[in-house]
C-alpha atoms as a PDB file:
ATOM      1  CA  MET A   1      17.778  34.395 152.547  1.00  0.00           C
ATOM      2  CA  VAL A   2      14.443  32.878 153.597  1.00  0.00           C
ATOM      3  CA  ASP A   3      12.019  35.139 155.642  1.00  0.00           C
ATOM      4  CA  TRP A   4       9.772  33.388 158.136  1.00  0.00           C
ATOM      5  CA  LYS A   5       7.614  36.073 159.679  1.00  0.00           C
ATOM      6  CA  LEU A   6       5.777  34.644 162.779  1.00  0.00           C
ATOM      7  CA  PRO A   7       3.209  33.705 163.676  1.00  0.00           C
ATOM      8  CA  ARG A   8       1.693  32.168 160.511  1.00  0.00           C
ATOM      9  CA  GLU A   9      -1.546  30.319 160.154  1.00  0.00           C
ATOM     10  CA  GLY A  10      -2.871  28.009 157.398  1.00  0.00           C
ATOM     11  CA  GLY A  11      -5.145  25.168 156.707  1.00  0.00           C
ATOM     12  CA  CYS A  12      -6.202  22.443 154.311  1.00  0.00           C
ATOM     13  CA  ARG A  13      -7.821  23.040 150.937  1.00  0.00           C
ATOM     14  CA  CYS A  14     -11.296  23.157 152.270  1.00  0.00           C
ATOM     15  CA  GLY A  15     -10.598  25.196 155.433  1.00  0.00           C
ATOM     16  CA  GLN A  16     -11.948  22.774 158.067  1.00  0.00           C
ATOM     17  CA  VAL A  17      -8.563  22.085 159.603  1.00  0.00           C
ATOM     18  CA  ARG A  18      -6.447  25.104 160.616  1.00  0.00           C
ATOM     19  CA  ILE A  19      -2.935  25.297 162.020  1.00  0.00           C
ATOM     20  CA  ARG A  20      -0.578  27.918 163.604  1.00  0.00           C
ATOM     21  CA  VAL A  21       3.043  28.061 163.528  1.00  0.00           C
ATOM     22  CA  THR A  22       4.877  30.162 166.146  1.00  0.00           C
ATOM     23  CA  ALA A  23       8.503  29.011 165.768  1.00  0.00           C
ATOM     24  CA  PRO A  24      10.585  28.979 162.697  1.00  0.00           C
ATOM     25  CA  PRO A  25      11.602  25.837 160.912  1.00  0.00           C
ATOM     26  CA  LEU A  26      14.630  23.842 162.098  1.00  0.00           C
ATOM     27  CA  VAL A  27      15.259  22.892 158.464  1.00  0.00           C
ATOM     28  CA  THR A  28      13.348  22.739 155.254  1.00  0.00           C
ATOM     29  CA  MET A  29      13.257  19.931 152.830  1.00  0.00           C
ATOM     30  CA  ALA A  30      12.010  18.377 149.473  1.00  0.00           C
ATOM     31  CA  CYS A  31      11.548  14.598 149.406  1.00  0.00           C
ATOM     32  CA  HIS A  32      11.655  12.829 145.968  1.00  0.00           C
ATOM     33  CA  CYS A  33      10.904   9.148 147.266  1.00  0.00           C
ATOM     34  CA  THR A  34       8.075   7.456 145.330  1.00  0.00           C
ATOM     35  CA  GLY A  35       6.044   7.296 148.570  1.00  0.00           C
ATOM     36  CA  CYS A  36       5.969  11.161 148.766  1.00  0.00           C
ATOM     37  CA  GLN A  37       5.471  11.390 144.954  1.00  0.00           C
ATOM     38  CA  ARG A  38       2.274   9.350 145.388  1.00  0.00           C
ATOM     39  CA  MET A  39       1.124  10.996 148.594  1.00  0.00           C
ATOM     40  CA  SER A  40       1.533  14.411 147.211  1.00  0.00           C
ATOM     41  CA  SER A  41       0.486  13.542 143.702  1.00  0.00           C
ATOM     42  CA  SER A  42       3.574  15.543 142.578  1.00  0.00           C
ATOM     43  CA  ALA A  43       7.189  15.113 141.761  1.00  0.00           C
ATOM     44  CA  PHE A  44       8.244  15.570 145.587  1.00  0.00           C
ATOM     45  CA  SER A  45       6.823  16.619 148.818  1.00  0.00           C
ATOM     46  CA  LEU A  46       7.834  19.608 150.741  1.00  0.00           C
ATOM     47  CA  SER A  47       8.437  19.722 154.453  1.00  0.00           C
ATOM     48  CA  ALA A  48       9.370  22.307 157.034  1.00  0.00           C
ATOM     49  CA  ALA A  49      10.485  20.688 160.255  1.00  0.00           C
ATOM     50  CA  ILE A  50       8.779  22.933 162.991  1.00  0.00           C
ATOM     51  CA  PRO A  51       9.551  22.516 166.609  1.00  0.00           C
ATOM     52  CA  ALA A  52       6.653  20.648 168.201  1.00  0.00           C
ATOM     53  CA  ASP A  53       5.978  23.416 170.682  1.00  0.00           C
ATOM     54  CA  GLY A  54       5.752  25.942 167.895  1.00  0.00           C
ATOM     55  CA  PHE A  55       2.931  24.137 166.058  1.00  0.00           C
ATOM     56  CA  ALA A  56      -0.638  23.780 166.846  1.00  0.00           C
ATOM     57  CA  VAL A  57      -3.792  22.436 165.275  1.00  0.00           C
ATOM     58  CA  ILE A  58      -6.344  25.383 166.094  1.00  0.00           C
ATOM     59  CA  GLN A  59      -9.334  24.135 164.328  1.00  0.00           C
ATOM     60  CA  GLY A  60     -10.701  20.852 163.369  1.00  0.00           C
ATOM     61  CA  GLU A  61      -9.420  17.258 163.959  1.00  0.00           C
ATOM     62  CA  PRO A  62      -6.970  15.956 161.354  1.00  0.00           C
ATOM     63  CA  VAL A  63      -6.952  12.102 160.880  1.00  0.00           C
ATOM     64  CA  LEU A  64      -4.411   9.638 160.059  1.00  0.00           C
ATOM     65  CA  GLY A  65      -3.907   8.548 156.388  1.00  0.00           C
ATOM     66  CA  GLY A  66      -1.173   7.423 154.167  1.00  0.00           C
ATOM     67  CA  LEU A  67       1.370   5.359 156.112  1.00  0.00           C
ATOM     68  CA  ARG A  68       0.061   4.163 159.297  1.00  0.00           C
ATOM     69  CA  GLY A  69       3.209   2.195 160.299  1.00  0.00           C
ATOM     70  CA  PRO A  70       5.069   2.501 163.538  1.00  0.00           C
ATOM     71  CA  GLN A  71       7.388   5.211 162.341  1.00  0.00           C
ATOM     72  CA  ALA A  72       5.427   7.805 160.343  1.00  0.00           C
ATOM     73  CA  HIS A  73       1.968   9.301 161.066  1.00  0.00           C
ATOM     74  CA  HIS A  74       0.632  11.255 158.173  1.00  0.00           C
ATOM     75  CA  TYR A  75      -2.215  13.689 159.129  1.00  0.00           C
ATOM     76  CA  PHE A  76      -4.993  14.600 156.750  1.00  0.00           C
ATOM     77  CA  CYS A  77      -8.087  16.813 156.719  1.00  0.00           C
ATOM     78  CA  PRO A  78     -11.037  14.295 157.237  1.00  0.00           C
ATOM     79  CA  HIS A  79     -13.157  16.221 154.670  1.00  0.00           C
ATOM     80  CA  CYS A  80     -10.884  17.175 151.744  1.00  0.00           C
ATOM     81  CA  MET A  81      -8.164  14.629 152.472  1.00  0.00           C
ATOM     82  CA  THR A  82      -5.340  17.257 152.092  1.00  0.00           C
ATOM     83  CA  TRP A  83      -2.093  15.925 153.584  1.00  0.00           C
ATOM     84  CA  MET A  84      -1.105  18.536 156.087  1.00  0.00           C
ATOM     85  CA  PHE A  85       1.680  17.312 158.303  1.00  0.00           C
ATOM     86  CA  THR A  86       3.698  14.264 159.651  1.00  0.00           C
ATOM     87  CA  ARG A  87       4.685  13.202 163.040  1.00  0.00           C
ATOM     88  CA  THR A  88       7.579  10.745 163.323  1.00  0.00           C
ATOM     89  CA  GLU A  89       7.581   8.261 166.320  1.00  0.00           C
ATOM     90  CA  GLY A  90      10.604   8.566 168.448  1.00  0.00           C
ATOM     91  CA  MET A  91      11.109  12.212 167.051  1.00  0.00           C
ATOM     92  CA  ASP A  92       8.210  14.002 168.842  1.00  0.00           C
ATOM     93  CA  TRP A  93      10.181  17.207 169.244  1.00  0.00           C
ATOM     94  CA  PHE A  94       9.326  18.397 165.754  1.00  0.00           C
ATOM     95  CA  VAL A  95       6.314  18.130 163.214  1.00  0.00           C
ATOM     96  CA  ASN A  96       7.039  17.919 159.392  1.00  0.00           C
ATOM     97  CA  LEU A  97       4.645  20.557 158.184  1.00  0.00           C
ATOM     98  CA  ARG A  98       3.695  20.728 154.418  1.00  0.00           C
ATOM     99  CA  PRO A  99       4.581  24.469 153.991  1.00  0.00           C
ATOM    100  CA  THR A 100       1.945  25.024 151.264  1.00  0.00           C
ATOM    101  CA  MET A 101      -0.759  24.590 154.061  1.00  0.00           C
ATOM    102  CA  LEU A 102       0.370  28.075 155.243  1.00  0.00           C
ATOM    103  CA  ASP A 103      -1.863  30.981 154.046  1.00  0.00           C
ATOM    104  CA  ASP A 104       1.315  32.611 153.183  1.00  0.00           C
ATOM    105  CA  ALA A 105       3.938  30.139 151.936  1.00  0.00           C
ATOM    106  CA  SER A 106       6.167  32.922 150.673  1.00  0.00           C
ATOM    107  CA  GLY A 107       9.721  32.764 152.115  1.00  0.00           C
ATOM    108  CA  PHE A 108       9.848  28.888 151.941  1.00  0.00           C
ATOM    109  CA  ALA A 109      12.597  27.247 150.058  1.00  0.00           C
ATOM    110  CA  PRO A 110      13.844  23.661 150.472  1.00  0.00           C
ATOM    111  CA  PHE A 111      17.454  23.554 151.946  1.00  0.00           C
ATOM    112  CA  ILE A 112      17.855  19.821 151.685  1.00  0.00           C
ATOM    113  CA  GLU A 113      16.481  17.392 149.093  1.00  0.00           C
ATOM    114  CA  THR A 114      16.356  13.727 149.940  1.00  0.00           C
ATOM    115  CA  TRP A 115      15.900  10.469 148.027  1.00  0.00           C
ATOM    116  CA  THR A 116      17.142  11.834 144.797  1.00  0.00           C
ATOM    117  CA  ALA A 117      17.823   8.281 143.704  1.00  0.00           C
ATOM    118  CA  GLU A 118      14.190   8.094 143.167  1.00  0.00           C
ATOM    119  CA  LYS A 119      13.802  11.558 141.695  1.00  0.00           C
ATOM    120  CA  LEU A 120      11.879  12.105 138.558  1.00  0.00           C
ATOM    121  CA  PRO A 121      14.229  13.412 135.735  1.00  0.00           C
ATOM    122  CA  PHE A 122      12.616  16.912 135.497  1.00  0.00           C
ATOM    123  CA  ALA A 123      12.282  17.733 139.112  1.00  0.00           C
ATOM    124  CA  GLU A 124      14.440  20.476 140.330  1.00  0.00           C
ATOM    125  CA  THR A 125      14.195  22.001 143.769  1.00  0.00           C
ATOM    126  CA  GLY A 126      17.029  24.527 144.010  1.00  0.00           C
ATOM    127  CA  ALA A 127      18.078  22.806 147.438  1.00  0.00           C
ATOM    128  CA  VAL A 128      21.410  23.532 148.810  1.00  0.00           C
ATOM    129  CA  HIS A 129      22.102  19.943 149.799  1.00  0.00           C
ATOM    130  CA  SER A 130      21.131  16.777 147.859  1.00  0.00           C
ATOM    131  CA  TYR A 131      21.091  13.194 149.276  1.00  0.00           C
ATOM    132  CA  GLU A 132      20.526  10.042 147.291  1.00  0.00           C
ATOM    133  CA  THR A 133      18.663   8.701 150.263  1.00  0.00           C
ATOM    134  CA  LEU A 134      18.685  10.471 153.623  1.00  0.00           C
ATOM    135  CA  PRO A 135      21.464  12.531 155.198  1.00  0.00           C
ATOM    136  CA  PRO A 136      23.415  10.418 157.800  1.00  0.00           C
ATOM    137  CA  LEU A 137      21.949  10.905 161.362  1.00  0.00           C
ATOM    138  CA  ASP A 138      25.100  12.604 162.541  1.00  0.00           C
ATOM    139  CA  ALA A 139      24.760  15.285 159.827  1.00  0.00           C
ATOM    140  CA  TYR A 140      21.421  16.764 160.908  1.00  0.00           C
ATOM    141  CA  GLU A 141      22.784  18.964 163.781  1.00  0.00           C
ATOM    142  CA  GLY A 142      25.322  20.645 161.431  1.00  0.00           C
ATOM    143  CA  LEU A 143      22.640  20.954 158.606  1.00  0.00           C
ATOM    144  CA  MET A 144      20.305  22.583 161.060  1.00  0.00           C
ATOM    145  CA  GLU A 145      23.027  24.954 162.101  1.00  0.00           C
ATOM    146  CA  GLU A 146      23.899  25.792 158.526  1.00  0.00           C
ATOM    147  CA  TYR A 147      20.110  26.404 157.796  1.00  0.00           C
ATOM    148  CA  VAL A 148      19.975  29.036 160.430  1.00  0.00           C
ATOM    149  CA  THR A 149      22.914  30.872 158.793  1.00  0.00           C
ATOM    150  CA  TRP A 150      21.277  30.304 155.371  1.00  0.00           C
ATOM    151  CA  THR A 151      18.067  31.765 156.585  1.00  0.00           C
ATOM    152  CA  GLY A 152      19.859  34.886 158.106  1.00  0.00           C
ATOM    153  CA  ARG A 153      18.554  34.304 161.573  1.00  0.00           C
END
């Protein structure tokens, strides 16, 4: 079970940009793609898909960084350059929050792991579902329903 007590607040490493989450995640993920490895300087990146109306920047002004293409918009603190969250064009109903930005990231666990085809051999997440690339689009609704059951909500 994963416990998401709400609301939760968080911020970047230096504290200049602060966020508030007032809705539980739709699903949680770990991404093993080489892009996320480079952006996070780690073996994978973590995400919590937060409904857009349950996410707010409450202090500071994040800036675009990382990929700046038409699909993904990665937001960073302009001072410490912490990668905080991502918005995906055409999918503006959720925000992919890096859950380690929360002041209390306890209760977070990735439910899905993606891009395992690019996974570093030692990287283990404990995710319930693994995909070599991304889940098929028609699988997301079922995965989100299963996630709610998995979290005990």
